[in-house]
N, C-alpha and C. Protein backbone atom coordinates (compact mmCIF):
# COMPACT_ATOMS: atom_id res chain seq x y z
N UNK A 1 -16.86 -5.07 16.60
CA UNK A 1 -17.36 -4.29 15.49
C UNK A 1 -17.17 -5.07 14.20
N UNK A 2 -18.20 -5.18 13.44
CA UNK A 2 -18.15 -5.90 12.18
C UNK A 2 -17.94 -4.91 11.05
N UNK A 3 -16.97 -5.21 10.20
CA UNK A 3 -16.63 -4.35 9.08
C UNK A 3 -17.26 -4.93 7.82
N UNK A 4 -17.93 -4.09 7.03
CA UNK A 4 -18.55 -4.59 5.81
C UNK A 4 -17.51 -4.72 4.71
N UNK A 5 -17.87 -5.40 3.65
CA UNK A 5 -16.96 -5.61 2.53
C UNK A 5 -16.63 -4.29 1.82
N UNK A 6 -17.56 -3.34 1.86
CA UNK A 6 -17.30 -2.03 1.24
C UNK A 6 -16.18 -1.32 1.97
N UNK A 7 -16.24 -1.32 3.30
CA UNK A 7 -15.18 -0.67 4.08
C UNK A 7 -13.85 -1.41 3.93
N UNK A 8 -13.91 -2.72 3.78
CA UNK A 8 -12.68 -3.49 3.59
C UNK A 8 -12.03 -3.14 2.26
N UNK A 9 -12.82 -3.02 1.21
CA UNK A 9 -12.28 -2.63 -0.09
C UNK A 9 -11.76 -1.20 -0.07
N UNK A 10 -12.45 -0.33 0.65
CA UNK A 10 -11.98 1.04 0.79
C UNK A 10 -10.63 1.08 1.53
N UNK A 11 -10.51 0.27 2.56
CA UNK A 11 -9.24 0.20 3.29
C UNK A 11 -8.13 -0.34 2.40
N UNK A 12 -8.45 -1.30 1.55
CA UNK A 12 -7.45 -1.85 0.62
C UNK A 12 -6.99 -0.78 -0.37
N UNK A 13 -7.91 -0.02 -0.92
CA UNK A 13 -7.55 1.04 -1.87
C UNK A 13 -6.72 2.12 -1.19
N UNK A 14 -7.13 2.53 0.00
CA UNK A 14 -6.37 3.56 0.73
C UNK A 14 -4.97 3.04 1.07
N UNK A 15 -4.86 1.78 1.45
CA UNK A 15 -3.55 1.21 1.75
C UNK A 15 -2.64 1.15 0.54
N UNK A 16 -3.19 0.80 -0.62
CA UNK A 16 -2.38 0.74 -1.84
C UNK A 16 -1.94 2.14 -2.27
N UNK A 17 -2.85 3.10 -2.19
CA UNK A 17 -2.48 4.48 -2.55
C UNK A 17 -1.44 5.03 -1.58
N UNK A 18 -1.64 4.76 -0.30
CA UNK A 18 -0.67 5.22 0.70
C UNK A 18 0.70 4.60 0.51
N UNK A 19 0.74 3.33 0.15
CA UNK A 19 2.04 2.69 -0.06
C UNK A 19 2.70 3.20 -1.34
N UNK A 20 1.91 3.58 -2.34
CA UNK A 20 2.50 4.17 -3.55
C UNK A 20 3.11 5.53 -3.26
N UNK A 21 2.41 6.33 -2.47
CA UNK A 21 2.93 7.65 -2.10
C UNK A 21 4.19 7.50 -1.24
N UNK A 22 4.13 6.57 -0.28
CA UNK A 22 5.31 6.33 0.55
C UNK A 22 6.48 5.78 -0.24
N UNK A 23 6.20 4.91 -1.20
CA UNK A 23 7.26 4.38 -2.05
C UNK A 23 7.90 5.47 -2.89
N UNK A 24 7.08 6.37 -3.43
CA UNK A 24 7.63 7.47 -4.23
C UNK A 24 8.49 8.39 -3.37
N UNK A 25 8.03 8.70 -2.18
CA UNK A 25 8.80 9.59 -1.30
C UNK A 25 10.12 8.94 -0.88
N UNK A 26 10.07 7.67 -0.53
CA UNK A 26 11.31 7.02 -0.12
C UNK A 26 12.23 6.78 -1.30
N UNK A 27 11.67 6.56 -2.50
CA UNK A 27 12.51 6.43 -3.68
C UNK A 27 13.29 7.70 -3.96
N UNK A 28 12.63 8.84 -3.82
CA UNK A 28 13.31 10.12 -4.03
C UNK A 28 14.35 10.34 -2.95
N UNK A 29 14.02 10.00 -1.72
CA UNK A 29 14.96 10.22 -0.61
C UNK A 29 16.19 9.32 -0.74
N UNK A 30 15.99 8.08 -1.18
CA UNK A 30 17.11 7.15 -1.22
C UNK A 30 17.91 7.20 -2.51
N UNK A 31 17.23 7.39 -3.64
CA UNK A 31 17.94 7.27 -4.92
C UNK A 31 17.75 8.49 -5.81
N UNK A 32 17.31 9.59 -5.25
CA UNK A 32 17.06 10.78 -6.05
C UNK A 32 18.29 11.32 -6.75
N UNK A 33 19.41 11.31 -6.06
CA UNK A 33 20.64 11.82 -6.67
C UNK A 33 21.19 10.88 -7.73
N UNK A 34 21.12 9.59 -7.47
CA UNK A 34 21.72 8.62 -8.39
C UNK A 34 20.89 8.45 -9.66
N UNK A 35 19.57 8.40 -9.54
CA UNK A 35 18.71 8.12 -10.69
C UNK A 35 17.99 9.35 -11.23
N UNK A 36 17.96 10.39 -10.45
CA UNK A 36 17.11 11.54 -10.79
C UNK A 36 15.81 11.40 -10.02
N UNK A 37 15.27 12.52 -9.63
CA UNK A 37 14.08 12.49 -8.77
C UNK A 37 12.87 11.86 -9.44
N UNK A 38 12.66 12.15 -10.73
CA UNK A 38 11.47 11.63 -11.40
C UNK A 38 11.52 10.11 -11.55
N UNK A 39 12.64 9.57 -11.97
CA UNK A 39 12.76 8.12 -12.13
C UNK A 39 12.69 7.42 -10.78
N UNK A 40 13.33 7.99 -9.77
CA UNK A 40 13.29 7.38 -8.44
C UNK A 40 11.87 7.39 -7.88
N UNK A 41 11.13 8.47 -8.10
CA UNK A 41 9.75 8.53 -7.63
C UNK A 41 8.88 7.54 -8.40
N UNK A 42 9.09 7.42 -9.70
CA UNK A 42 8.31 6.47 -10.51
C UNK A 42 8.56 5.04 -10.06
N UNK A 43 9.82 4.68 -9.87
CA UNK A 43 10.13 3.31 -9.44
C UNK A 43 9.63 3.04 -8.03
N UNK A 44 9.74 4.02 -7.15
CA UNK A 44 9.24 3.86 -5.79
C UNK A 44 7.73 3.69 -5.76
N UNK A 45 7.03 4.47 -6.58
CA UNK A 45 5.57 4.36 -6.64
C UNK A 45 5.14 3.06 -7.30
N UNK A 46 5.98 2.52 -8.17
CA UNK A 46 5.66 1.26 -8.85
C UNK A 46 5.88 0.07 -7.92
N UNK A 47 7.00 0.06 -7.22
CA UNK A 47 7.32 -1.08 -6.37
C UNK A 47 6.81 -0.95 -4.93
N UNK A 48 6.44 0.22 -4.50
CA UNK A 48 5.93 0.41 -3.14
C UNK A 48 4.68 -0.39 -2.83
N UNK A 49 3.68 -0.39 -3.73
CA UNK A 49 2.45 -1.13 -3.43
C UNK A 49 2.61 -2.65 -3.42
N UNK A 50 3.71 -3.18 -3.88
CA UNK A 50 3.89 -4.64 -3.82
C UNK A 50 3.80 -5.14 -2.39
N UNK A 51 4.51 -4.49 -1.50
CA UNK A 51 4.45 -4.89 -0.10
C UNK A 51 3.20 -4.37 0.58
N UNK A 52 2.78 -3.16 0.23
CA UNK A 52 1.60 -2.58 0.87
C UNK A 52 0.32 -3.33 0.56
N UNK A 53 0.13 -3.69 -0.70
CA UNK A 53 -1.08 -4.43 -1.08
C UNK A 53 -1.09 -5.83 -0.48
N UNK A 54 0.06 -6.47 -0.45
CA UNK A 54 0.14 -7.81 0.15
C UNK A 54 -0.17 -7.74 1.64
N UNK A 55 0.37 -6.76 2.33
CA UNK A 55 0.11 -6.61 3.76
C UNK A 55 -1.35 -6.31 4.05
N UNK A 56 -1.96 -5.45 3.24
CA UNK A 56 -3.39 -5.14 3.42
C UNK A 56 -4.24 -6.37 3.14
N UNK A 57 -3.92 -7.12 2.10
CA UNK A 57 -4.70 -8.31 1.77
C UNK A 57 -4.59 -9.36 2.87
N UNK A 58 -3.40 -9.56 3.39
CA UNK A 58 -3.22 -10.53 4.49
C UNK A 58 -3.98 -10.07 5.72
N UNK A 59 -3.94 -8.78 6.02
CA UNK A 59 -4.69 -8.26 7.17
C UNK A 59 -6.19 -8.44 7.01
N UNK A 60 -6.71 -8.22 5.80
CA UNK A 60 -8.14 -8.40 5.57
C UNK A 60 -8.54 -9.87 5.64
N UNK A 61 -7.68 -10.75 5.17
CA UNK A 61 -7.95 -12.19 5.27
C UNK A 61 -7.98 -12.61 6.74
N UNK A 62 -7.05 -12.09 7.53
CA UNK A 62 -7.05 -12.40 8.96
C UNK A 62 -8.29 -11.86 9.66
N UNK A 63 -8.72 -10.66 9.29
CA UNK A 63 -9.96 -10.12 9.86
C UNK A 63 -11.16 -10.99 9.49
N UNK A 64 -11.18 -11.47 8.26
CA UNK A 64 -12.27 -12.35 7.85
C UNK A 64 -12.23 -13.68 8.63
N UNK A 65 -11.03 -14.21 8.81
CA UNK A 65 -10.88 -15.47 9.52
C UNK A 65 -11.29 -15.33 10.99
N UNK A 66 -11.04 -14.17 11.59
CA UNK A 66 -11.41 -13.95 12.97
C UNK A 66 -12.87 -13.58 13.14
N UNK A 67 -13.56 -13.37 12.05
CA UNK A 67 -14.97 -13.06 12.12
C UNK A 67 -15.30 -11.58 12.25
N UNK A 68 -14.31 -10.70 12.12
CA UNK A 68 -14.55 -9.28 12.25
C UNK A 68 -14.99 -8.66 10.94
N UNK A 69 -14.87 -9.41 9.86
CA UNK A 69 -15.24 -8.92 8.54
C UNK A 69 -16.44 -9.70 8.06
N UNK A 70 -17.54 -9.02 7.83
CA UNK A 70 -18.76 -9.72 7.43
C UNK A 70 -18.99 -9.64 5.95
């Protein structure tokens, strides 16, 4: 199955948003008491996409290299 560039960009956006939501949730779970829930959620949502966006970008580059991304 060949994936178009539109679907690849959509997957990248969904991955970044998902990692921001996951970062916020884990920030509250891990540091909510120490920092306060709002600050922990803000920092988690800020730093969460760093790994998520990099992982999505690497995955899309690999799909392009394998020929599955047109």
